[in-house]
Protein backbone atom coordinates (compact mmCIF):
# COMPACT_ATOMS: atom_id res chain seq x y z
CA MET A 1 46.67 78.24 125.55
CA MET A 2 50.16 76.71 125.85
CA ASP A 3 51.94 75.79 122.64
CA TYR A 4 53.20 72.19 122.82
CA SER A 5 54.24 72.00 119.16
CA ILE A 6 57.67 70.66 118.21
CA ASP A 7 59.44 71.90 115.08
CA PHE A 8 62.40 69.52 115.17
CA PHE A 9 62.78 65.94 116.38
CA LEU A 10 66.27 64.58 117.07
CA GLY A 11 67.61 61.59 118.90
CA LEU A 12 70.16 58.94 119.75
CA ILE A 13 70.26 55.31 118.62
CA GLY A 14 72.27 52.66 120.43
CA SER A 15 71.95 49.21 121.96
CA ASP A 16 71.49 50.45 125.54
CA VAL A 17 71.15 54.20 125.89
CA ASP A 18 68.79 54.48 128.86
CA LYS A 19 71.49 56.20 130.95
CA SER A 20 72.84 58.40 128.17
CA LEU A 21 73.34 62.07 129.01
CA SER A 22 72.74 63.14 125.40
CA PRO A 23 69.01 63.91 125.84
CA TYR A 24 69.79 66.08 128.87
CA ILE A 25 72.54 67.95 126.98
CA HIS A 26 70.59 68.70 123.81
CA ASN A 27 67.23 69.40 125.45
CA THR A 28 68.89 71.78 127.91
CA VAL A 29 70.39 73.70 124.99
CA TYR A 30 67.05 73.78 123.17
CA ARG A 31 65.32 75.17 126.28
CA LYS A 32 67.95 77.88 126.66
CA ARG A 33 67.46 78.85 123.03
CA GLU A 34 63.68 78.71 123.43
CA GLN A 35 63.81 76.37 120.46
CA LYS A 36 60.92 74.02 119.66
CA ALA A 37 63.07 70.93 119.39
CA PHE A 38 63.08 67.63 121.26
CA TYR A 39 65.80 64.97 121.59
CA LYS A 40 65.11 61.38 122.70
CA ALA A 41 67.26 58.26 123.15
CA PHE A 42 66.20 54.94 121.58
CA SER A 43 67.63 51.57 122.64
CA LEU A 44 67.34 49.30 119.61
CA ARG A 45 68.35 45.81 118.56
CA GLU A 46 70.66 45.53 115.56
CA GLU A 47 67.89 44.32 113.28
CA GLU A 48 65.84 47.43 114.16
CA VAL A 49 68.54 50.00 113.41
CA LEU A 50 68.29 50.06 109.63
CA GLU A 51 64.51 50.32 109.73
CA ALA A 52 64.80 53.22 112.16
CA VAL A 53 67.35 55.02 109.99
CA LYS A 54 65.16 54.57 106.89
CA ALA A 55 62.18 56.00 108.79
CA LEU A 56 63.88 59.23 109.90
CA ALA A 57 62.49 61.34 107.08
CA ILE A 58 59.06 59.76 107.37
CA PHE A 59 58.82 60.85 111.00
CA SER A 60 60.22 64.33 110.25
CA PHE A 61 63.49 63.93 112.17
CA LYS A 62 66.10 66.66 111.72
CA GLY A 63 68.85 64.20 112.56
CA ILE A 64 70.14 61.60 115.00
CA ASN A 65 73.27 60.50 116.77
CA ILE A 66 74.52 56.92 116.59
CA THR A 67 76.46 55.31 119.42
CA ASN A 68 78.13 51.95 119.92
CA PRO A 69 77.85 49.35 118.57
CA TYR A 70 76.12 50.76 115.47
CA LYS A 71 78.53 53.42 114.17
CA GLU A 72 79.97 51.22 111.44
CA LEU A 73 76.57 49.75 110.55
CA ALA A 74 75.11 53.23 110.08
CA PHE A 75 78.12 54.24 107.98
CA ASN A 76 77.08 51.76 105.30
CA ASN A 77 73.44 52.86 105.23
CA VAL A 78 73.37 56.58 104.51
CA ASP A 79 73.19 58.33 101.14
CA LEU A 80 76.08 60.78 101.57
CA LEU A 81 79.16 61.07 103.79
CA SER A 82 81.29 63.98 104.90
CA LYS A 83 84.95 63.70 103.86
CA SER A 84 86.18 62.90 107.38
CA ALA A 85 83.42 60.35 107.98
CA GLU A 86 84.31 58.60 104.72
CA GLU A 87 87.96 58.39 105.75
CA ILE A 88 87.16 57.24 109.29
CA GLY A 89 84.71 54.54 108.20
CA ALA A 90 82.20 55.19 110.98
CA ILE A 91 79.58 57.83 111.71
CA ASN A 92 77.98 59.09 114.89
CA THR A 93 75.75 61.82 113.42
CA ILE A 94 73.16 61.83 110.64
CA LYS A 95 71.46 64.88 109.17
CA VAL A 96 68.24 64.53 107.19
CA LEU A 97 68.57 66.70 104.09
CA GLU A 98 65.92 67.69 101.57
CA ASP A 99 63.96 64.86 99.96
CA GLY A 100 64.88 62.59 102.86
CA ILE A 101 68.53 62.23 101.86
CA LEU A 102 70.67 61.10 104.81
CA LYS A 103 74.19 62.47 105.27
CA GLY A 104 76.59 60.91 107.77
CA TYR A 105 79.21 62.74 109.82
CA ASN A 106 81.71 61.89 112.53
CA THR A 107 81.97 64.46 115.31
CA ASP A 108 83.82 62.12 117.70
CA PHE A 109 87.19 62.81 116.11
CA LEU A 110 86.67 66.57 116.42
CA ALA A 111 85.97 66.16 120.13
CA VAL A 112 89.08 64.02 120.66
CA LYS A 113 91.25 66.54 118.82
CA GLU A 114 89.98 69.45 120.88
CA ILE A 115 90.42 67.66 124.20
CA LEU A 116 94.02 66.65 123.42
CA LYS A 117 94.89 70.10 122.10
CA GLU A 118 93.54 71.65 125.30
CA SER A 119 95.43 69.17 127.49
CA TYR A 120 98.75 69.50 125.66
CA ASP A 121 98.45 73.09 124.43
CA ASN A 122 99.12 71.88 120.88
CA GLN A 123 102.89 71.82 121.57
CA GLY A 124 103.60 68.39 120.15
CA PHE A 125 102.18 65.12 121.38
CA PRO A 126 103.76 62.17 123.22
CA SER A 127 103.21 58.48 122.56
CA ALA A 128 99.68 57.07 122.89
CA LEU A 129 98.02 53.71 123.48
CA ILE A 130 94.56 53.11 121.96
CA LEU A 131 92.50 50.33 123.48
CA GLY A 132 89.78 48.92 121.23
CA ALA A 133 89.25 48.85 117.47
CA GLY A 134 85.55 49.65 117.02
CA GLY A 135 83.78 52.73 115.73
CA ALA A 136 85.01 54.98 118.53
CA ALA A 137 88.59 53.76 118.10
CA ARG A 138 88.41 54.62 114.40
CA ALA A 139 87.59 58.25 115.27
CA VAL A 140 90.33 58.35 117.91
CA LEU A 141 92.97 56.99 115.54
CA TYR A 142 91.92 59.46 112.84
CA ALA A 143 92.19 62.34 115.33
CA LEU A 144 95.64 61.27 116.50
CA LEU A 145 96.92 60.91 112.95
CA ASP A 146 95.46 64.32 112.15
CA LEU A 147 97.39 65.73 115.12
CA GLU A 148 100.52 64.04 113.74
CA PHE A 149 101.17 61.66 116.62
CA GLU A 150 104.25 59.65 115.67
CA GLU A 151 104.22 56.84 118.24
CA LEU A 152 100.94 54.92 118.44
CA THR A 153 100.11 51.51 119.87
CA ILE A 154 96.78 49.72 119.39
CA ALA A 155 95.45 46.73 121.34
CA ASN A 156 92.16 44.95 120.78
CA ARG A 157 90.76 41.67 122.09
CA THR A 158 90.52 40.47 118.50
CA LYS A 159 93.91 41.40 117.09
CA SER A 160 92.81 40.90 113.48
CA LYS A 161 90.30 43.73 113.87
CA ALA A 162 93.09 46.10 114.96
CA VAL A 163 95.20 44.96 112.00
CA LYS A 164 92.27 45.63 109.67
CA LEU A 165 91.73 49.07 111.20
CA VAL A 166 95.33 50.14 110.66
CA SER A 167 95.33 48.69 107.15
CA GLU A 168 92.20 50.64 106.22
CA PHE A 169 93.89 53.85 107.35
CA SER A 170 96.86 53.25 105.03
CA ASP A 171 95.48 55.67 102.42
CA TYR A 172 95.24 58.38 105.06
CA LYS A 173 98.72 57.76 106.47
CA GLN A 174 100.98 55.97 104.03
CA ASP A 175 103.80 55.48 106.54
CA ARG A 176 102.31 53.22 109.20
CA SER A 177 105.67 52.24 110.69
CA GLY A 178 104.89 54.30 113.78
CA ILE A 179 101.73 52.27 114.59
CA GLU A 180 102.35 49.13 116.61
CA ILE A 181 99.66 46.49 117.10
CA ILE A 182 100.02 44.34 120.22
CA GLU A 183 98.30 41.35 121.79
CA TRP A 184 95.47 41.81 124.28
CA ASP A 185 97.22 40.43 127.37
CA GLU A 186 98.72 41.54 130.68
CA ASN A 187 102.35 41.58 129.54
CA ASN A 188 101.98 43.40 126.23
CA ILE A 189 99.47 46.03 127.37
CA GLY A 190 101.28 46.44 130.70
CA ARG A 191 104.51 47.32 128.85
CA ALA A 192 102.62 49.63 126.49
CA VAL A 193 101.08 51.46 129.47
CA ILE A 194 104.56 52.12 130.82
CA ASP A 195 105.88 53.23 127.41
CA SER A 196 102.90 55.45 126.48
CA GLU A 197 102.06 58.75 128.13
CA ILE A 198 98.50 58.95 126.79
CA ILE A 199 96.11 56.02 127.24
CA ILE A 200 92.76 56.20 125.45
CA ASP A 201 90.24 53.49 126.38
CA THR A 202 87.53 53.20 123.73
CA THR A 203 86.34 49.74 124.81
CA GLY A 204 83.45 50.65 127.10
CA LEU A 205 84.75 48.24 129.76
CA SER A 206 84.20 50.81 132.50
CA TRP A 207 80.43 50.63 131.97
CA SER A 208 80.54 47.10 133.45
CA ASP A 209 83.18 48.06 136.06
CA LYS A 210 85.93 46.15 134.28
CA SER A 211 89.25 47.34 132.92
CA PHE A 212 91.83 46.29 130.38
CA PRO A 213 94.72 43.89 131.10
CA GLY A 214 97.79 45.69 132.42
CA TYR A 215 95.89 48.67 133.83
CA ASN A 216 97.65 48.16 137.17
CA ASN A 217 100.81 49.51 135.51
CA ILE A 218 99.26 52.97 135.28
CA SER A 219 101.37 55.61 137.04
CA SER A 220 101.42 59.35 137.57
CA ASP A 221 103.22 59.63 134.22
CA ASN A 222 100.05 58.65 132.36
CA PHE A 223 97.19 60.77 131.03
CA ILE A 224 94.06 58.59 131.03
CA PHE A 225 91.20 59.33 128.66
CA ASP A 226 88.29 56.92 129.18
CA LEU A 227 85.52 57.41 126.63
CA SER A 228 83.04 55.80 129.05
CA TYR A 229 81.29 57.82 131.75
CA PRO A 230 79.60 55.44 134.23
CA ASP A 231 77.78 56.96 137.20
CA PHE A 232 80.12 55.19 139.66
CA ASN A 233 83.85 55.13 140.28
CA SER A 234 85.15 52.60 137.77
CA LYS A 235 88.24 50.47 138.28
CA LEU A 236 90.14 52.67 135.83
CA LYS A 237 89.15 55.89 137.57
CA ILE A 238 90.02 54.48 140.99
CA LYS A 239 93.43 53.30 139.77
CA ALA A 240 94.19 56.69 138.23
CA ALA A 241 93.31 58.41 141.51
CA GLU A 242 95.46 56.00 143.52
CA VAL A 243 98.60 56.83 141.53
CA ASN A 244 97.73 60.49 140.89
CA ALA A 245 97.44 60.08 137.12
CA GLU A 246 95.49 62.72 135.22
CA TYR A 247 92.12 61.25 134.27
CA ILE A 248 89.14 62.42 132.26
CA ASP A 249 86.07 60.40 131.37
CA GLY A 250 83.82 60.61 128.34
CA LYS A 251 81.61 63.44 129.59
CA LYS A 252 83.76 66.16 128.08
CA MET A 253 83.92 64.29 124.79
CA LEU A 254 80.15 63.85 124.89
CA LEU A 255 79.70 67.60 125.29
CA TYR A 256 82.15 68.47 122.54
CA GLN A 257 80.78 66.00 120.00
CA ALA A 258 77.22 67.10 120.87
CA ARG A 259 78.19 70.70 120.17
CA GLU A 260 79.62 69.69 116.79
CA ALA A 261 76.44 67.74 115.98
CA ASP A 262 74.37 70.79 116.87
CA LYS A 263 76.48 72.83 114.45
CA ILE A 264 75.62 70.35 111.70
CA TRP A 265 71.90 70.32 112.46
CA PHE A 266 71.50 74.04 113.19
CA PRO A 267 74.28 75.94 111.34
CA GLU A 268 72.30 79.16 111.52
CA PHE A 269 73.25 79.74 115.17
CA ASN A 270 76.34 81.69 116.21
CA ASP A 271 79.25 79.43 117.23
CA ASP A 272 80.39 81.61 120.15
CA ASP A 273 76.87 81.49 121.57
CA ARG A 274 76.78 77.75 120.93
CA LYS A 275 79.95 77.19 122.98
CA LYS A 276 78.43 79.02 125.93
CA LEU A 277 75.21 77.01 125.70
CA PHE A 278 77.10 73.72 125.80
CA GLU A 279 79.10 74.66 128.91
CA LEU A 280 77.13 72.31 131.10
CA ASN A 281 78.04 70.70 134.39
CA LEU A 282 77.54 66.97 133.86
């Protein structure tokens, strides 16, 4: 008789996660390990998220991932936080501890750090433009400050949210003179694109085949890091190809942050073996 039992349930919560690659990534790893674990994505409305988080222990979940737009909401509704998650102000991973205690982590910033260190060989980093000021942008800014970027520009459709983000990071980086906040318009972002080597788009605009104002100023001098990963050639990806700019989408980040989440949920496994398991072709 076949054994259909599952020892560990895990999952992803977001507003629209039907096309997420996370279930494929984690379930592929579990199959390779011959592990009785199952990962499922759940598209939820905002009013359902807190009820779902509270029910994790009841339904014997080992943990979950949180994606946009609920990373900041989840941050305020767990029992414990890792040090980096507390400083970032957003979480993307929850682990269910003993007695149903929920601990929040942020593995996004670890993924961003690793990708930039690989791309620039950790030999000092050029100027960067961050687009967006949500939960993903918080992790990106934290990673860039951790890597000691000195020239940073942030643009968000609601400028006050970008101002608030930088202000909240003042305890982490007392000298914020190197962080410039600009208006969300063609002229300001266009100039910032020219002046910044690295452009990190955290907005999710590519999912709807849109791009940010000023993206036509992208040139071969830019390194484009789009946290989205739509299953079509987005405007940003097409523009990068036209001008021969280096471009990566969010698939690599998804793999790296998934690997870090797996380390949190299943620390008993060897990290070298884990890296090999997560070398997937997405």
